[in-house]
């Protein structure tokens, strides 16, 4: 192995370079000049840090880069951070500006555009009170929500029975003979492929389903738009609020909340409507931490207890320097 030192460049004999035992280093010097008595000085180029595209962990008091991902202290970060668009399994992304627990960030607020990631309870990191108590309201227990829905189903059912009773009677008269003939043929092992319901029965079926959807819409949408309470919610002392602000939902948002559940009435005849409504009804059980149904996610709402925590102070009041009497 060639000892370290200055040698003529094998490619360009007019210059000499320094061989460190493994390769050529440094800048060449003319071969006609005496060889320097020391190795060349290698200047370290400053490394420009890459843009913070991966998650960043900061200590209290340090600034948070714009758009950074905040993780609880002690959360392990894979080498190179998380792949773009991916978060830890079970992570919860909260809206920008959600207050953080004391000690994680000095001001307790994320900068605009930042993303806050909170791990599930088993990770040992408790959720901030303002997350599990939106606007100072405790989350409504699933049992109360179930009972409230049963009350609403009963109330809507009574109205539907009164409004569509005659149409349902006419429909039964139309399909009754067909159903009886189907039963007779199946009992005797005969084919039923040629049996169909009358056009009038199909027409009555469509009208009945439209009336059911319209009655349900008229029962639920206006009440949720104004007070956030249907009859069932009022009796069980729970209500619907928006996640962004504690104010009436309005008709547009209330309609968006009703659509993912109520419009499937029109597909009851093929069974798909019942299946999709059943999935929607079960969705709060698996949603964490706010137990929102699919229709709540569509409208950005959450179901809470009607009474607010008396010790709750709205953020705008708490940060108002003039409110210090």
Protein backbone atom coordinates (compact mmCIF):
# COMPACT_ATOMS: atom_id res chain seq x y z
CA UNK A 1 0.00 0.00 0.00
CA UNK A 2 1.32 3.43 -0.97
CA UNK A 3 2.25 5.55 2.04
CA UNK A 4 0.46 8.88 2.48
CA UNK A 5 2.24 11.81 0.79
CA UNK A 6 2.42 14.11 -2.20
CA UNK A 7 2.66 12.40 -5.62
CA UNK A 8 2.24 13.37 -9.24
CA UNK A 9 -1.29 12.91 -10.43
CA UNK A 10 -1.33 9.77 -12.64
CA UNK A 11 -3.77 11.44 -14.97
CA UNK A 12 -2.18 14.90 -15.12
CA UNK A 13 1.59 14.83 -14.63
CA UNK A 14 1.73 18.64 -14.46
CA UNK A 15 0.17 18.66 -10.97
CA UNK A 16 0.75 16.83 -7.73
CA UNK A 17 -1.86 15.78 -5.20
CA UNK A 18 -1.91 14.34 -1.72
CA UNK A 19 -2.57 10.62 -1.25
CA UNK A 20 -3.95 9.80 2.23
CA UNK A 21 -3.55 6.03 1.87
CA UNK A 22 -7.04 5.50 0.51
CA UNK A 23 -7.54 8.19 -2.12
CA UNK A 24 -6.62 11.61 -3.43
CA UNK A 25 -7.70 14.52 -1.25
CA UNK A 26 -7.48 18.29 -1.39
CA UNK A 27 -6.71 20.60 -4.27
CA UNK A 28 -3.80 19.87 -6.65
CA UNK A 29 -0.65 22.05 -6.74
CA UNK A 30 1.77 22.52 -9.70
CA UNK A 31 4.28 19.69 -10.01
CA UNK A 32 7.10 22.25 -10.61
CA UNK A 33 6.70 23.66 -7.07
CA UNK A 34 8.17 22.00 -3.98
CA UNK A 35 5.71 19.63 -2.30
CA UNK A 36 4.06 21.13 0.79
CA UNK A 37 5.33 19.74 4.10
CA UNK A 38 1.83 18.96 5.37
CA UNK A 39 -1.41 17.49 4.06
CA UNK A 40 -3.87 19.86 2.43
CA UNK A 41 -6.40 21.59 4.64
CA UNK A 42 -9.88 20.28 3.92
CA UNK A 43 -12.50 22.95 4.46
CA UNK A 44 -15.78 21.58 5.76
CA UNK A 45 -18.70 22.93 3.79
CA UNK A 46 -21.63 24.07 5.91
CA UNK A 47 -24.55 21.68 5.71
CA UNK A 48 -27.81 23.38 4.85
CA UNK A 49 -30.58 21.76 6.90
CA UNK A 50 -33.38 20.30 4.85
CA UNK A 51 -36.88 21.72 5.09
CA UNK A 52 -38.77 20.23 8.03
CA UNK A 53 -40.90 17.76 6.10
CA UNK A 54 -40.58 15.07 8.77
CA UNK A 55 -41.98 15.21 12.32
CA UNK A 56 -40.11 17.48 14.72
CA UNK A 57 -39.81 17.20 18.50
CA UNK A 58 -39.08 20.45 20.31
CA UNK A 59 -38.31 21.17 23.93
CA UNK A 60 -40.37 23.78 25.83
CA UNK A 61 -39.20 27.24 24.87
CA UNK A 62 -37.98 26.31 21.39
CA UNK A 63 -39.85 27.63 18.34
CA UNK A 64 -41.96 25.21 16.33
CA UNK A 65 -41.28 25.18 12.57
CA UNK A 66 -44.23 26.12 10.40
CA UNK A 67 -46.25 23.03 9.51
CA UNK A 68 -44.36 20.75 11.90
CA UNK A 69 -45.89 17.65 13.45
CA UNK A 70 -46.01 17.74 17.24
CA UNK A 71 -45.60 14.47 19.14
CA UNK A 72 -45.78 13.83 22.89
CA UNK A 73 -42.42 13.87 24.74
CA UNK A 74 -40.65 10.52 24.53
CA UNK A 75 -42.42 9.33 21.38
CA UNK A 76 -39.88 7.33 19.30
CA UNK A 77 -39.35 8.65 15.79
CA UNK A 78 -38.23 6.22 13.06
CA UNK A 79 -34.98 7.05 11.21
CA UNK A 80 -35.75 9.72 8.68
CA UNK A 81 -39.09 10.56 10.26
CA UNK A 82 -42.42 9.31 8.93
CA UNK A 83 -43.01 8.73 5.22
CA UNK A 84 -44.92 11.59 3.59
CA UNK A 85 -48.61 11.45 4.40
CA UNK A 86 -48.24 8.80 7.11
CA UNK A 87 -48.59 9.08 10.88
CA UNK A 88 -48.06 6.62 13.75
CA UNK A 89 -50.70 3.87 14.01
CA UNK A 90 -53.68 5.12 15.98
CA UNK A 91 -52.58 8.76 15.85
CA UNK A 92 -55.24 11.48 16.04
CA UNK A 93 -54.88 14.65 13.95
CA UNK A 94 -56.54 17.69 15.49
CA UNK A 95 -57.38 20.96 13.74
CA UNK A 96 -54.73 23.71 13.59
CA UNK A 97 -54.78 25.96 16.62
CA UNK A 98 -55.93 23.26 19.08
CA UNK A 99 -54.45 24.16 22.50
CA UNK A 100 -51.70 21.86 23.75
CA UNK A 101 -51.21 20.53 27.30
CA UNK A 102 -49.04 22.74 29.57
CA UNK A 103 -45.32 22.18 29.10
CA UNK A 104 -45.35 20.87 25.54
CA UNK A 105 -45.35 24.29 23.91
CA UNK A 106 -44.71 27.52 25.83
CA UNK A 107 -47.72 29.43 24.53
CA UNK A 108 -49.98 26.37 24.47
CA UNK A 109 -51.01 27.05 20.88
CA UNK A 110 -49.91 25.62 17.54
CA UNK A 111 -48.99 28.06 14.77
CA UNK A 112 -51.38 28.38 11.86
CA UNK A 113 -51.12 25.43 9.51
CA UNK A 114 -49.39 23.12 11.97
CA UNK A 115 -50.63 19.61 12.64
CA UNK A 116 -50.99 18.21 16.14
CA UNK A 117 -50.72 14.46 16.64
CA UNK A 118 -51.91 12.82 19.85
CA UNK A 119 -51.49 9.12 20.58
CA UNK A 120 -54.21 6.87 22.06
CA UNK A 121 -54.69 6.68 25.86
CA UNK A 122 -52.65 3.47 26.14
CA UNK A 123 -49.61 5.51 25.08
CA UNK A 124 -49.78 7.24 28.45
CA UNK A 125 -50.45 10.70 27.00
CA UNK A 126 -53.72 12.22 28.23
CA UNK A 127 -55.77 14.28 25.83
CA UNK A 128 -56.19 17.99 26.65
CA UNK A 129 -59.42 18.84 28.44
CA UNK A 130 -60.51 21.07 25.56
CA UNK A 131 -60.42 18.06 23.23
CA UNK A 132 -62.50 15.67 25.34
CA UNK A 133 -64.75 18.55 26.52
CA UNK A 134 -65.48 20.60 23.37
CA UNK A 135 -66.42 24.17 24.29
CA UNK A 136 -66.65 23.08 27.94
CA UNK A 137 -69.30 20.38 27.33
CA UNK A 138 -68.75 16.79 28.42
CA UNK A 139 -69.12 14.20 25.69
CA UNK A 140 -72.55 12.54 25.67
CA UNK A 141 -72.39 8.87 26.78
CA UNK A 142 -73.21 6.37 24.05
CA UNK A 143 -76.06 4.98 26.18
CA UNK A 144 -77.81 8.36 26.32
CA UNK A 145 -77.35 8.83 22.58
CA UNK A 146 -78.86 5.39 21.91
CA UNK A 147 -81.89 6.12 24.09
CA UNK A 148 -82.35 9.54 22.48
CA UNK A 149 -82.32 7.91 19.04
CA UNK A 150 -84.94 5.37 20.15
CA UNK A 151 -87.19 8.21 21.35
CA UNK A 152 -86.76 9.98 18.01
CA UNK A 153 -87.51 6.78 16.07
CA UNK A 154 -90.68 6.31 18.09
CA UNK A 155 -91.77 9.93 17.58
CA UNK A 156 -91.05 9.85 13.83
CA UNK A 157 -92.72 6.43 13.58
CA UNK A 158 -95.96 7.78 15.06
CA UNK A 159 -95.98 10.71 12.63
CA UNK A 160 -95.22 8.41 9.68
CA UNK A 161 -97.99 6.01 10.69
CA UNK A 162 -100.50 8.86 10.72
CA UNK A 163 -99.26 10.47 7.48
CA UNK A 164 -98.79 7.33 5.41
CA UNK A 165 -101.22 4.87 7.04
CA UNK A 166 -103.68 4.95 4.16
CA UNK A 167 -100.93 4.54 1.55
CA UNK A 168 -99.45 1.62 3.46
CA UNK A 169 -102.90 0.03 3.63
CA UNK A 170 -103.29 0.37 -0.14
CA UNK A 171 -99.80 -1.04 -0.69
CA UNK A 172 -100.55 -4.09 1.46
CA UNK A 173 -103.74 -4.70 -0.52
CA UNK A 174 -101.73 -4.64 -3.74
CA UNK A 175 -98.91 -6.95 -2.66
CA UNK A 176 -100.96 -9.20 -0.36
CA UNK A 177 -102.28 -11.53 -3.08
CA UNK A 178 -98.83 -11.77 -4.66
CA UNK A 179 -97.20 -12.70 -1.35
CA UNK A 180 -99.90 -15.32 -0.73
CA UNK A 181 -99.31 -16.84 -4.18
CA UNK A 182 -95.53 -16.88 -3.57
CA UNK A 183 -96.07 -18.74 -0.30
CA UNK A 184 -98.40 -21.27 -1.98
CA UNK A 185 -96.02 -22.00 -4.83
CA UNK A 186 -92.99 -22.32 -2.55
CA UNK A 187 -94.91 -24.75 -0.36
CA UNK A 188 -95.77 -26.88 -3.41
CA UNK A 189 -92.31 -26.57 -4.96
CA UNK A 190 -93.54 -24.55 -7.93
CA UNK A 191 -91.66 -21.78 -9.75
CA UNK A 192 -92.28 -18.15 -8.74
CA UNK A 193 -90.23 -16.51 -11.50
CA UNK A 194 -93.27 -15.15 -13.32
CA UNK A 195 -94.76 -13.38 -10.28
CA UNK A 196 -94.34 -9.60 -10.07
CA UNK A 197 -95.99 -6.80 -8.17
CA UNK A 198 -98.25 -4.36 -9.98
CA UNK A 199 -97.12 -0.97 -11.22
CA UNK A 200 -99.43 0.62 -8.67
CA UNK A 201 -97.67 -1.25 -5.83
CA UNK A 202 -94.27 -0.05 -7.02
CA UNK A 203 -95.57 3.50 -7.29
CA UNK A 204 -97.01 3.35 -3.76
CA UNK A 205 -93.73 1.97 -2.45
CA UNK A 206 -91.74 4.88 -3.90
CA UNK A 207 -94.20 7.47 -2.58
CA UNK A 208 -94.16 5.92 0.92
CA UNK A 209 -90.34 5.94 1.08
CA UNK A 210 -90.18 9.56 -0.09
CA UNK A 211 -92.74 10.57 2.55
CA UNK A 212 -90.79 8.71 5.27
CA UNK A 213 -87.58 10.53 4.31
CA UNK A 214 -89.38 13.88 4.12
CA UNK A 215 -91.02 13.45 7.54
CA UNK A 216 -87.73 12.42 9.14
CA UNK A 217 -86.02 15.40 7.47
CA UNK A 218 -88.68 17.82 8.73
CA UNK A 219 -88.47 16.35 12.23
CA UNK A 220 -84.69 16.37 12.68
CA UNK A 221 -83.07 19.02 10.47
CA UNK A 222 -84.80 22.20 11.77
CA UNK A 223 -84.44 21.19 15.43
CA UNK A 224 -80.74 20.40 15.09
CA UNK A 225 -80.21 23.56 13.04
CA UNK A 226 -81.57 25.76 15.80
CA UNK A 227 -81.02 24.26 19.25
CA UNK A 228 -79.05 21.12 18.36
CA UNK A 229 -81.74 19.07 20.08
CA UNK A 230 -84.46 16.79 18.78
CA UNK A 231 -87.15 15.57 21.17
CA UNK A 232 -85.03 12.58 22.17
CA UNK A 233 -81.93 14.68 22.77
CA UNK A 234 -83.90 17.20 24.79
CA UNK A 235 -85.33 14.47 27.05
CA UNK A 236 -81.90 12.89 27.55
CA UNK A 237 -80.26 16.34 28.03
CA UNK A 238 -77.74 16.05 25.21
CA UNK A 239 -77.23 18.15 22.08
CA UNK A 240 -75.25 18.54 18.86
CA UNK A 241 -72.59 21.25 18.58
CA UNK A 242 -70.02 22.14 15.94
CA UNK A 243 -66.39 21.40 16.67
CA UNK A 244 -65.29 24.79 15.41
CA UNK A 245 -67.65 27.03 17.39
CA UNK A 246 -70.40 26.85 20.00
CA UNK A 247 -73.20 28.36 17.94
CA UNK A 248 -76.34 27.09 16.14
CA UNK A 249 -75.51 24.71 13.31
CA UNK A 250 -77.76 26.35 10.76
CA UNK A 251 -79.76 24.54 8.08
CA UNK A 252 -76.87 23.87 5.71
CA UNK A 253 -74.78 22.08 8.30
CA UNK A 254 -77.79 20.30 9.77
CA UNK A 255 -78.68 18.99 6.31
CA UNK A 256 -75.11 17.74 5.81
CA UNK A 257 -75.42 15.88 9.10
CA UNK A 258 -78.77 14.30 8.18
CA UNK A 259 -77.89 13.25 4.63
CA UNK A 260 -75.45 10.36 5.37
CA UNK A 261 -78.10 8.71 7.58
CA UNK A 262 -81.48 9.81 6.26
CA UNK A 263 -81.05 9.56 2.49
CA UNK A 264 -80.49 5.80 2.72
CA UNK A 265 -84.23 5.45 3.40
CA UNK A 266 -84.69 5.58 -0.36
CA UNK A 267 -82.66 2.34 -0.67
CA UNK A 268 -84.65 0.35 1.89
CA UNK A 269 -86.29 -1.76 -0.83
CA UNK A 270 -83.00 -3.45 -1.80
CA UNK A 271 -81.69 -3.79 1.76
CA UNK A 272 -78.59 -1.65 1.16
CA UNK A 273 -80.17 1.32 2.93
CA UNK A 274 -80.65 -0.62 6.17
CA UNK A 275 -77.06 -1.93 6.03
CA UNK A 276 -75.53 1.52 5.53
CA UNK A 277 -77.66 3.01 8.31
CA UNK A 278 -76.61 0.18 10.63
CA UNK A 279 -72.92 0.87 9.88
CA UNK A 280 -73.48 4.57 10.58
CA UNK A 281 -75.23 3.74 13.86
CA UNK A 282 -72.27 1.61 15.02
CA UNK A 283 -69.56 4.06 13.92
CA UNK A 284 -69.50 6.09 17.21
CA UNK A 285 -68.42 2.94 19.09
CA UNK A 286 -65.14 2.69 17.17
CA UNK A 287 -64.44 6.41 16.75
CA UNK A 288 -61.89 7.81 19.22
CA UNK A 289 -61.78 10.06 21.17
CA UNK A 290 -64.99 11.98 20.35
CA UNK A 291 -67.22 9.01 19.42
CA UNK A 292 -68.49 10.72 16.31
CA UNK A 293 -70.79 8.94 13.89
CA UNK A 294 -70.22 9.07 10.16
CA UNK A 295 -72.88 11.78 9.86
CA UNK A 296 -71.10 13.82 12.58
CA UNK A 297 -67.85 13.63 10.64
CA UNK A 298 -69.63 14.78 7.49
CA UNK A 299 -70.87 17.94 9.27
CA UNK A 300 -67.96 18.53 11.68
CA UNK A 301 -70.18 18.06 14.74
CA UNK A 302 -70.05 16.21 18.05
CA UNK A 303 -72.75 15.12 20.51
CA UNK A 304 -72.28 16.51 24.03
CA UNK A 305 -74.17 16.96 27.27
CA UNK A 306 -76.50 19.96 27.20
CA UNK A 307 -75.09 21.53 30.40
CA UNK A 308 -71.71 23.23 30.11
CA UNK A 309 -69.03 22.97 32.78
CA UNK A 310 -69.61 26.03 35.04
CA UNK A 311 -65.84 26.50 35.42
CA UNK A 312 -65.24 26.68 31.68
CA UNK A 313 -63.87 29.94 30.30
CA UNK A 314 -64.05 30.50 26.53
CA UNK A 315 -60.58 31.04 24.97
CA UNK A 316 -61.43 34.52 23.70
CA UNK A 317 -62.46 35.60 27.21
CA UNK A 318 -59.40 34.06 28.81
CA UNK A 319 -57.05 35.87 26.40
CA UNK A 320 -58.80 39.23 26.50
CA UNK A 321 -56.45 41.70 28.31
CA UNK A 322 -59.38 44.00 28.98
CA UNK A 323 -61.21 41.35 31.00
CA UNK A 324 -59.20 41.78 34.20
CA UNK A 325 -61.57 43.48 36.58
